[in-house]
Amino acid sequence: MKIYKNISIIYEDNHIIVVEKPAGMLSQKDYTDTDSLLEILKEYIKTTYKKPGNVFLGLVHRLDKQVSGIMVYAKTSKAASRLSSQFRSHDVIKIYCAALQTITSTDTAWHTIHDAIIRHHDKTLISSDNITAMHASLKYKIIYTKPSYSLALIQLYTGKKHQIRAQMSHLGMPIANDIKYGATLISSEIAIALHAVYLQCIHPVTKERISFYSKPQGIIASIFNTIDVDHVIKNALIHEGYSL
């Protein structure tokens, strides 16, 4: 695994680059004009391969600034188009792990959640009667509990902004440290306890099914510091039939 400016590069070939986004970093630049993962990776490609002029790097999905984990970028326009198509058709499997602020539960079944959501200012809200609402869908499963917190796997079916944060909060189980969505502040870090732990897609050129795993650290590891969180999550994913 390569490291460039504290960014872990999980996989790279001529068509894609897969990395671990740190919490607190933007996926791409916004109005604040602060450094983003996209710009850092463009710099990495330009420097490493001595590319002249502007470097192409296609953004095909995003993670919130406060969220860490796996991201895939496209190194060619063809790869970008094909990956974007997979994300639009929901053919990409995206699984997150999260520390949920919740009453200890012994329920370990998968639960599928469908909501209508709207954006209001800088927040995503659940709405039952707004005609402009968007459909949001995910499923979650509790894989470990301790007093006040549960460790969960969350699989996204739709990829709306702040979707996981809003839907889990609406269920009374906000993401730990996510004060915007009702959790208690437990750390001054920008990070919330949500990590994109697993991604599976079809390689845009070879057509092989490829998968990637990213070990959770930071707040999630801190909350569950009495267990091997990595081992628990890997076992849960393997039990569900995912290859690591």
C-alpha atoms as a PDB file:
ATOM      1  CA  MET A   1       0.000   0.000   0.000  1.00  0.00           C
ATOM      2  CA  LYS A   2       1.368   3.406  -0.989  1.00  0.00           C
ATOM      3  CA  ILE A   3       1.086   6.501   1.189  1.00  0.00           C
ATOM      4  CA  TYR A   4       1.017   9.959  -0.354  1.00  0.00           C
ATOM      5  CA  LYS A   5       0.573  12.983   1.946  1.00  0.00           C
ATOM      6  CA  ASN A   6      -1.127  10.768   4.550  1.00  0.00           C
ATOM      7  CA  ILE A   7      -3.495   9.304   1.931  1.00  0.00           C
ATOM      8  CA  SER A   8      -3.440   5.500   1.776  1.00  0.00           C
ATOM      9  CA  ILE A   9      -3.642   4.221  -1.796  1.00  0.00           C
ATOM     10  CA  ILE A  10      -5.259   0.778  -1.633  1.00  0.00           C
ATOM     11  CA  TYR A  11      -5.172  -0.049  -5.342  1.00  0.00           C
ATOM     12  CA  GLU A  12      -4.141   1.593  -8.584  1.00  0.00           C
ATOM     13  CA  ASP A  13      -3.926   0.666 -12.257  1.00  0.00           C
ATOM     14  CA  ASN A  14      -4.134   2.592 -15.532  1.00  0.00           C
ATOM     15  CA  HIS A  15      -7.881   3.090 -15.171  1.00  0.00           C
ATOM     16  CA  ILE A  16      -8.801   3.576 -11.496  1.00  0.00           C
ATOM     17  CA  ILE A  17      -7.299   4.544  -8.159  1.00  0.00           C
ATOM     18  CA  VAL A  18      -8.814   3.395  -4.852  1.00  0.00           C
ATOM     19  CA  VAL A  19      -7.918   5.250  -1.674  1.00  0.00           C
ATOM     20  CA  GLU A  20      -8.878   5.783   1.960  1.00  0.00           C
ATOM     21  CA  LYS A  21     -10.318   9.243   2.558  1.00  0.00           C
ATOM     22  CA  PRO A  22      -9.481  10.636   5.994  1.00  0.00           C
ATOM     23  CA  ALA A  23     -12.315  12.174   8.004  1.00  0.00           C
ATOM     24  CA  GLY A  24     -12.165  15.953   7.829  1.00  0.00           C
ATOM     25  CA  MET A  25     -11.123  16.065   4.168  1.00  0.00           C
ATOM     26  CA  LEU A  26     -13.386  17.027   1.278  1.00  0.00           C
ATOM     27  CA  SER A  27     -13.909  14.592  -1.602  1.00  0.00           C
ATOM     28  CA  GLN A  28     -13.629  17.565  -3.957  1.00  0.00           C
ATOM     29  CA  LYS A  29     -13.214  21.321  -3.516  1.00  0.00           C
ATOM     30  CA  ASP A  30     -16.154  23.410  -2.383  1.00  0.00           C
ATOM     31  CA  TYR A  31     -16.713  27.144  -1.922  1.00  0.00           C
ATOM     32  CA  THR A  32     -14.096  27.260   0.868  1.00  0.00           C
ATOM     33  CA  ASP A  33     -11.352  26.370  -1.631  1.00  0.00           C
ATOM     34  CA  THR A  34      -9.592  24.140   0.924  1.00  0.00           C
ATOM     35  CA  ASP A  35      -7.527  21.151  -0.145  1.00  0.00           C
ATOM     36  CA  SER A  36      -9.516  18.136  -1.230  1.00  0.00           C
ATOM     37  CA  LEU A  37      -8.761  14.494  -1.894  1.00  0.00           C
ATOM     38  CA  LEU A  38      -9.370  14.995  -5.619  1.00  0.00           C
ATOM     39  CA  GLU A  39      -6.708  17.708  -5.895  1.00  0.00           C
ATOM     40  CA  ILE A  40      -4.204  15.767  -3.782  1.00  0.00           C
ATOM     41  CA  LEU A  41      -4.605  12.693  -5.983  1.00  0.00           C
ATOM     42  CA  LYS A  42      -4.218  14.754  -9.147  1.00  0.00           C
ATOM     43  CA  GLU A  43      -0.972  16.072  -7.697  1.00  0.00           C
ATOM     44  CA  TYR A  44       0.101  12.516  -6.841  1.00  0.00           C
ATOM     45  CA  ILE A  45      -0.490  11.325 -10.427  1.00  0.00           C
ATOM     46  CA  LYS A  46       1.204  14.358 -11.944  1.00  0.00           C
ATOM     47  CA  THR A  47       4.241  14.000  -9.685  1.00  0.00           C
ATOM     48  CA  THR A  48       4.569  10.211  -9.736  1.00  0.00           C
ATOM     49  CA  TYR A  49       4.117   9.733 -13.467  1.00  0.00           C
ATOM     50  CA  LYS A  50       5.543  13.107 -14.575  1.00  0.00           C
ATOM     51  CA  LYS A  51       2.342  14.027 -16.391  1.00  0.00           C
ATOM     52  CA  PRO A  52       2.447  17.340 -18.290  1.00  0.00           C
ATOM     53  CA  GLY A  53      -0.444  19.789 -18.166  1.00  0.00           C
ATOM     54  CA  ASN A  54      -3.722  19.146 -16.387  1.00  0.00           C
ATOM     55  CA  VAL A  55      -4.307  15.666 -14.983  1.00  0.00           C
ATOM     56  CA  PHE A  56      -7.701  14.028 -15.533  1.00  0.00           C
ATOM     57  CA  LEU A  57      -9.270  12.369 -12.496  1.00  0.00           C
ATOM     58  CA  GLY A  58     -12.957  11.565 -12.520  1.00  0.00           C
ATOM     59  CA  LEU A  59     -15.071  11.953  -9.375  1.00  0.00           C
ATOM     60  CA  VAL A  60     -17.752   9.233  -9.550  1.00  0.00           C
ATOM     61  CA  HIS A  61     -19.050   9.341  -5.959  1.00  0.00           C
ATOM     62  CA  ARG A  62     -18.534  11.293  -2.730  1.00  0.00           C
ATOM     63  CA  LEU A  63     -18.187  10.895   1.004  1.00  0.00           C
ATOM     64  CA  ASP A  64     -19.184  13.627   3.452  1.00  0.00           C
ATOM     65  CA  LYS A  65     -16.293  15.631   4.840  1.00  0.00           C
ATOM     66  CA  GLN A  66     -16.828  14.116   8.317  1.00  0.00           C
ATOM     67  CA  VAL A  67     -16.831  10.534   6.990  1.00  0.00           C
ATOM     68  CA  SER A  68     -13.784   8.362   6.338  1.00  0.00           C
ATOM     69  CA  GLY A  69     -13.224   5.329   4.161  1.00  0.00           C
ATOM     70  CA  ILE A  70     -12.960   3.882   0.675  1.00  0.00           C
ATOM     71  CA  MET A  71     -13.287   6.033  -2.417  1.00  0.00           C
ATOM     72  CA  VAL A  72     -12.661   5.113  -6.039  1.00  0.00           C
ATOM     73  CA  TYR A  73     -11.650   7.682  -8.662  1.00  0.00           C
ATOM     74  CA  ALA A  74     -11.398   7.180 -12.420  1.00  0.00           C
ATOM     75  CA  LYS A  75      -8.125   7.920 -14.215  1.00  0.00           C
ATOM     76  CA  THR A  76      -9.685   8.042 -17.701  1.00  0.00           C
ATOM     77  CA  SER A  77     -12.909   9.484 -19.092  1.00  0.00           C
ATOM     78  CA  LYS A  78     -14.005   6.016 -20.262  1.00  0.00           C
ATOM     79  CA  ALA A  79     -13.537   4.586 -16.752  1.00  0.00           C
ATOM     80  CA  ALA A  80     -15.368   7.578 -15.264  1.00  0.00           C
ATOM     81  CA  SER A  81     -18.351   7.087 -17.552  1.00  0.00           C
ATOM     82  CA  ARG A  82     -18.593   3.357 -16.849  1.00  0.00           C
ATOM     83  CA  LEU A  83     -18.167   3.707 -13.076  1.00  0.00           C
ATOM     84  CA  SER A  84     -20.684   6.561 -12.938  1.00  0.00           C
ATOM     85  CA  SER A  85     -23.157   4.333 -14.751  1.00  0.00           C
ATOM     86  CA  GLN A  86     -22.653   1.616 -12.113  1.00  0.00           C
ATOM     87  CA  PHE A  87     -23.277   4.068  -9.293  1.00  0.00           C
ATOM     88  CA  ARG A  88     -26.420   5.437 -10.990  1.00  0.00           C
ATOM     89  CA  SER A  89     -27.823   1.944 -11.513  1.00  0.00           C
ATOM     90  CA  HIS A  90     -26.911   0.929  -7.930  1.00  0.00           C
ATOM     91  CA  ASP A  91     -24.683  -1.912  -9.130  1.00  0.00           C
ATOM     92  CA  VAL A  92     -21.915  -0.831  -6.752  1.00  0.00           C
ATOM     93  CA  ILE A  93     -22.087  -2.418  -3.297  1.00  0.00           C
ATOM     94  CA  LYS A  94     -21.249   0.177  -0.638  1.00  0.00           C
ATOM     95  CA  ILE A  95     -21.087  -0.923   2.994  1.00  0.00           C
ATOM     96  CA  TYR A  96     -20.327   1.340   5.933  1.00  0.00           C
ATOM     97  CA  CYS A  97     -19.600   0.570   9.553  1.00  0.00           C
ATOM     98  CA  ALA A  98     -20.846   2.927  12.217  1.00  0.00           C
ATOM     99  CA  ALA A  99     -20.958   3.425  15.943  1.00  0.00           C
ATOM    100  CA  LEU A 100     -24.578   4.255  16.704  1.00  0.00           C
ATOM    101  CA  GLN A 101     -25.557   6.092  19.853  1.00  0.00           C
ATOM    102  CA  THR A 102     -28.339   3.818  21.034  1.00  0.00           C
ATOM    103  CA  ILE A 103     -29.714   1.643  23.786  1.00  0.00           C
ATOM    104  CA  THR A 104     -28.007  -1.746  23.782  1.00  0.00           C
ATOM    105  CA  SER A 105     -29.915  -4.109  21.517  1.00  0.00           C
ATOM    106  CA  THR A 106     -29.802  -7.869  21.011  1.00  0.00           C
ATOM    107  CA  ASP A 107     -31.498  -7.577  17.609  1.00  0.00           C
ATOM    108  CA  THR A 108     -28.983  -8.748  14.982  1.00  0.00           C
ATOM    109  CA  ALA A 109     -31.309  -9.039  11.970  1.00  0.00           C
ATOM    110  CA  TRP A 110     -31.029  -6.912   8.838  1.00  0.00           C
ATOM    111  CA  HIS A 111     -33.538  -4.058   8.725  1.00  0.00           C
ATOM    112  CA  THR A 112     -34.379  -2.287   5.468  1.00  0.00           C
ATOM    113  CA  ILE A 113     -35.427   1.361   5.738  1.00  0.00           C
ATOM    114  CA  HIS A 114     -37.210   3.428   3.088  1.00  0.00           C
ATOM    115  CA  ASP A 115     -37.775   7.149   3.614  1.00  0.00           C
ATOM    116  CA  ALA A 116     -38.685  10.258   1.685  1.00  0.00           C
ATOM    117  CA  ILE A 117     -36.073  12.932   2.336  1.00  0.00           C
ATOM    118  CA  ILE A 118     -35.623  16.617   1.576  1.00  0.00           C
ATOM    119  CA  ARG A 119     -32.727  19.043   1.897  1.00  0.00           C
ATOM    120  CA  HIS A 120     -33.381  22.012   4.176  1.00  0.00           C
ATOM    121  CA  HIS A 121     -30.531  24.498   4.332  1.00  0.00           C
ATOM    122  CA  ASP A 122     -27.490  22.298   5.147  1.00  0.00           C
ATOM    123  CA  LYS A 123     -29.407  19.365   6.583  1.00  0.00           C
ATOM    124  CA  THR A 124     -31.279  16.312   5.273  1.00  0.00           C
ATOM    125  CA  LEU A 125     -34.710  15.755   6.784  1.00  0.00           C
ATOM    126  CA  ILE A 126     -37.251  12.941   6.658  1.00  0.00           C
ATOM    127  CA  SER A 127     -40.475  14.113   5.009  1.00  0.00           C
ATOM    128  CA  SER A 128     -43.766  12.254   4.618  1.00  0.00           C
ATOM    129  CA  ASP A 129     -45.716  14.685   2.491  1.00  0.00           C
ATOM    130  CA  ASN A 130     -43.363  16.884   0.493  1.00  0.00           C
ATOM    131  CA  ILE A 131     -43.918  16.419  -3.243  1.00  0.00           C
ATOM    132  CA  THR A 132     -40.290  17.283  -3.953  1.00  0.00           C
ATOM    133  CA  ALA A 133     -38.950  14.637  -1.580  1.00  0.00           C
ATOM    134  CA  MET A 134     -36.412  12.077  -2.807  1.00  0.00           C
ATOM    135  CA  HIS A 135     -36.475   8.355  -2.109  1.00  0.00           C
ATOM    136  CA  ALA A 136     -33.761   7.104   0.263  1.00  0.00           C
ATOM    137  CA  SER A 137     -33.154   3.447   1.034  1.00  0.00           C
ATOM    138  CA  LEU A 138     -30.649   1.480   3.106  1.00  0.00           C
ATOM    139  CA  LYS A 139     -30.392  -1.568   5.308  1.00  0.00           C
ATOM    140  CA  TYR A 140     -28.560  -1.960   8.603  1.00  0.00           C
ATOM    141  CA  LYS A 141     -27.535  -4.725  10.956  1.00  0.00           C
ATOM    142  CA  ILE A 142     -26.208  -4.534  14.524  1.00  0.00           C
ATOM    143  CA  ILE A 143     -23.118  -6.740  14.895  1.00  0.00           C
ATOM    144  CA  TYR A 144     -21.940  -5.784  18.400  1.00  0.00           C
ATOM    145  CA  THR A 145     -23.288  -3.809  21.338  1.00  0.00           C
ATOM    146  CA  LYS A 146     -22.008  -2.182  24.500  1.00  0.00           C
ATOM    147  CA  PRO A 147     -23.691   0.253  26.889  1.00  0.00           C
ATOM    148  CA  SER A 148     -24.856   3.345  24.950  1.00  0.00           C
ATOM    149  CA  TYR A 149     -23.378   2.290  21.589  1.00  0.00           C
ATOM    150  CA  SER A 150     -23.942  -0.321  18.899  1.00  0.00           C
ATOM    151  CA  LEU A 151     -21.609  -1.313  16.087  1.00  0.00           C
ATOM    152  CA  ALA A 152     -23.519  -1.605  12.822  1.00  0.00           C
ATOM    153  CA  LEU A 153     -23.043  -2.482   9.189  1.00  0.00           C
ATOM    154  CA  ILE A 154     -25.017  -0.228   6.853  1.00  0.00           C
ATOM    155  CA  GLN A 155     -25.532  -0.919   3.162  1.00  0.00           C
ATOM    156  CA  LEU A 156     -26.662   1.935   0.956  1.00  0.00           C
ATOM    157  CA  TYR A 157     -29.126   1.373  -1.865  1.00  0.00           C
ATOM    158  CA  THR A 158     -29.393   5.057  -2.751  1.00  0.00           C
ATOM    159  CA  GLY A 159     -26.649   7.637  -2.375  1.00  0.00           C
ATOM    160  CA  LYS A 160     -28.248  10.859  -1.169  1.00  0.00           C
ATOM    161  CA  LYS A 161     -26.401  13.583   0.748  1.00  0.00           C
ATOM    162  CA  HIS A 162     -26.308  12.890   4.514  1.00  0.00           C
ATOM    163  CA  GLN A 163     -28.651   9.945   3.896  1.00  0.00           C
ATOM    164  CA  ILE A 164     -27.237   7.533   6.479  1.00  0.00           C
ATOM    165  CA  ARG A 165     -26.895  10.292   9.060  1.00  0.00           C
ATOM    166  CA  ALA A 166     -30.491  11.453   8.626  1.00  0.00           C
ATOM    167  CA  GLN A 167     -32.121   8.034   8.422  1.00  0.00           C
ATOM    168  CA  MET A 168     -30.321   6.546  11.425  1.00  0.00           C
ATOM    169  CA  SER A 169     -31.023   9.672  13.475  1.00  0.00           C
ATOM    170  CA  HIS A 170     -34.706   9.438  12.544  1.00  0.00           C
ATOM    171  CA  LEU A 171     -34.692   5.899  13.968  1.00  0.00           C
ATOM    172  CA  GLY A 172     -33.328   7.261  17.265  1.00  0.00           C
ATOM    173  CA  MET A 173     -29.832   5.911  16.600  1.00  0.00           C
ATOM    174  CA  PRO A 174     -27.658   8.827  15.464  1.00  0.00           C
ATOM    175  CA  ILE A 175     -24.075   8.292  14.354  1.00  0.00           C
ATOM    176  CA  ALA A 176     -21.775   8.838  17.333  1.00  0.00           C
ATOM    177  CA  ASN A 177     -20.349  12.374  17.516  1.00  0.00           C
ATOM    178  CA  ASP A 178     -22.732  13.593  14.800  1.00  0.00           C
ATOM    179  CA  ILE A 179     -24.171  16.540  16.732  1.00  0.00           C
ATOM    180  CA  LYS A 180     -25.843  17.946  13.587  1.00  0.00           C
ATOM    181  CA  TYR A 181     -28.151  14.917  13.661  1.00  0.00           C
ATOM    182  CA  GLY A 182     -28.736  14.667  17.398  1.00  0.00           C
ATOM    183  CA  ALA A 183     -25.773  12.730  18.795  1.00  0.00           C
ATOM    184  CA  THR A 184     -23.851  13.751  21.896  1.00  0.00           C
ATOM    185  CA  LEU A 185     -20.486  15.411  21.344  1.00  0.00           C
ATOM    186  CA  ILE A 186     -17.801  12.954  22.458  1.00  0.00           C
ATOM    187  CA  SER A 187     -14.832  14.313  20.512  1.00  0.00           C
ATOM    188  CA  SER A 188     -13.747  17.693  19.212  1.00  0.00           C
ATOM    189  CA  GLU A 189     -12.644  16.018  15.984  1.00  0.00           C
ATOM    190  CA  ILE A 190     -14.443  16.864  12.745  1.00  0.00           C
ATOM    191  CA  ALA A 191     -14.962  13.129  12.292  1.00  0.00           C
ATOM    192  CA  ILE A 192     -18.170  11.267  12.997  1.00  0.00           C
ATOM    193  CA  ALA A 193     -18.237   7.516  13.691  1.00  0.00           C
ATOM    194  CA  LEU A 194     -19.118   6.523  10.125  1.00  0.00           C
ATOM    195  CA  HIS A 195     -16.624   4.751   7.870  1.00  0.00           C
ATOM    196  CA  ALA A 196     -16.960   3.419   4.306  1.00  0.00           C
ATOM    197  CA  VAL A 197     -15.540  -0.006   5.067  1.00  0.00           C
ATOM    198  CA  TYR A 198     -16.252  -2.038   1.908  1.00  0.00           C
ATOM    199  CA  LEU A 199     -16.784  -1.333  -1.786  1.00  0.00           C
ATOM    200  CA  GLN A 200     -17.451  -3.796  -4.579  1.00  0.00           C
ATOM    201  CA  CYS A 201     -17.832  -2.917  -8.259  1.00  0.00           C
ATOM    202  CA  ILE A 202     -17.118  -4.123 -11.787  1.00  0.00           C
ATOM    203  CA  HIS A 203     -13.763  -2.980 -13.113  1.00  0.00           C
ATOM    204  CA  PRO A 204     -14.592  -0.499 -15.898  1.00  0.00           C
ATOM    205  CA  VAL A 205     -12.177  -2.085 -18.371  1.00  0.00           C
ATOM    206  CA  THR A 206     -11.402  -5.681 -17.388  1.00  0.00           C
ATOM    207  CA  LYS A 207     -15.054  -6.303 -16.341  1.00  0.00           C
ATOM    208  CA  GLU A 208     -13.843  -8.309 -13.334  1.00  0.00           C
ATOM    209  CA  ARG A 209     -15.703  -7.915 -10.054  1.00  0.00           C
ATOM    210  CA  ILE A 210     -13.325  -6.233  -7.621  1.00  0.00           C
ATOM    211  CA  SER A 211     -13.709  -5.467  -3.935  1.00  0.00           C
ATOM    212  CA  PHE A 212     -11.858  -3.389  -1.360  1.00  0.00           C
ATOM    213  CA  TYR A 213     -11.824  -3.204   2.430  1.00  0.00           C
ATOM    214  CA  SER A 214     -10.713  -0.371   4.707  1.00  0.00           C
ATOM    215  CA  LYS A 215      -9.980  -0.885   8.387  1.00  0.00           C
ATOM    216  CA  PRO A 216     -11.979   1.457  10.659  1.00  0.00           C
ATOM    217  CA  GLN A 217      -9.943   3.637  12.962  1.00  0.00           C
ATOM    218  CA  GLY A 218     -10.493   6.917  14.806  1.00  0.00           C
ATOM    219  CA  ILE A 219     -13.706   7.339  16.763  1.00  0.00           C
ATOM    220  CA  ILE A 220     -15.126   3.890  15.953  1.00  0.00           C
ATOM    221  CA  ALA A 221     -11.995   2.120  17.181  1.00  0.00           C
ATOM    222  CA  SER A 222     -11.932   4.368  20.256  1.00  0.00           C
ATOM    223  CA  ILE A 223     -15.549   3.647  21.224  1.00  0.00           C
ATOM    224  CA  PHE A 224     -15.062  -0.113  20.846  1.00  0.00           C
ATOM    225  CA  ASN A 225     -11.532  -0.220  22.249  1.00  0.00           C
ATOM    226  CA  THR A 226     -12.105  -3.382  24.274  1.00  0.00           C
ATOM    227  CA  ILE A 227     -12.625  -5.544  21.184  1.00  0.00           C
ATOM    228  CA  ASP A 228     -10.846  -6.126  17.887  1.00  0.00           C
ATOM    229  CA  VAL A 229     -13.255  -4.055  15.772  1.00  0.00           C
ATOM    230  CA  ASP A 230     -11.480  -4.969  12.537  1.00  0.00           C
ATOM    231  CA  HIS A 231     -11.886  -8.694  13.271  1.00  0.00           C
ATOM    232  CA  VAL A 232     -15.565  -8.324  14.209  1.00  0.00           C
ATOM    233  CA  ILE A 233     -16.392  -6.397  11.034  1.00  0.00           C
ATOM    234  CA  LYS A 234     -14.428  -8.713   8.746  1.00  0.00           C
ATOM    235  CA  ASN A 235     -16.151 -11.770  10.233  1.00  0.00           C
ATOM    236  CA  ALA A 236     -19.547 -10.117   9.756  1.00  0.00           C
ATOM    237  CA  LEU A 237     -18.787  -9.310   6.114  1.00  0.00           C
ATOM    238  CA  ILE A 238     -17.500 -12.818   5.414  1.00  0.00           C
ATOM    239  CA  HIS A 239     -20.614 -14.249   7.062  1.00  0.00           C
ATOM    240  CA  GLU A 240     -22.691 -12.181   4.618  1.00  0.00           C
ATOM    241  CA  GLY A 241     -20.766 -13.714   1.711  1.00  0.00           C
ATOM    242  CA  TYR A 242     -18.489 -10.816   0.809  1.00  0.00           C
ATOM    243  CA  SER A 243     -14.934 -11.550  -0.296  1.00  0.00           C
ATOM    244  CA  LEU A 244     -12.150  -9.668   1.458  1.00  0.00           C
END
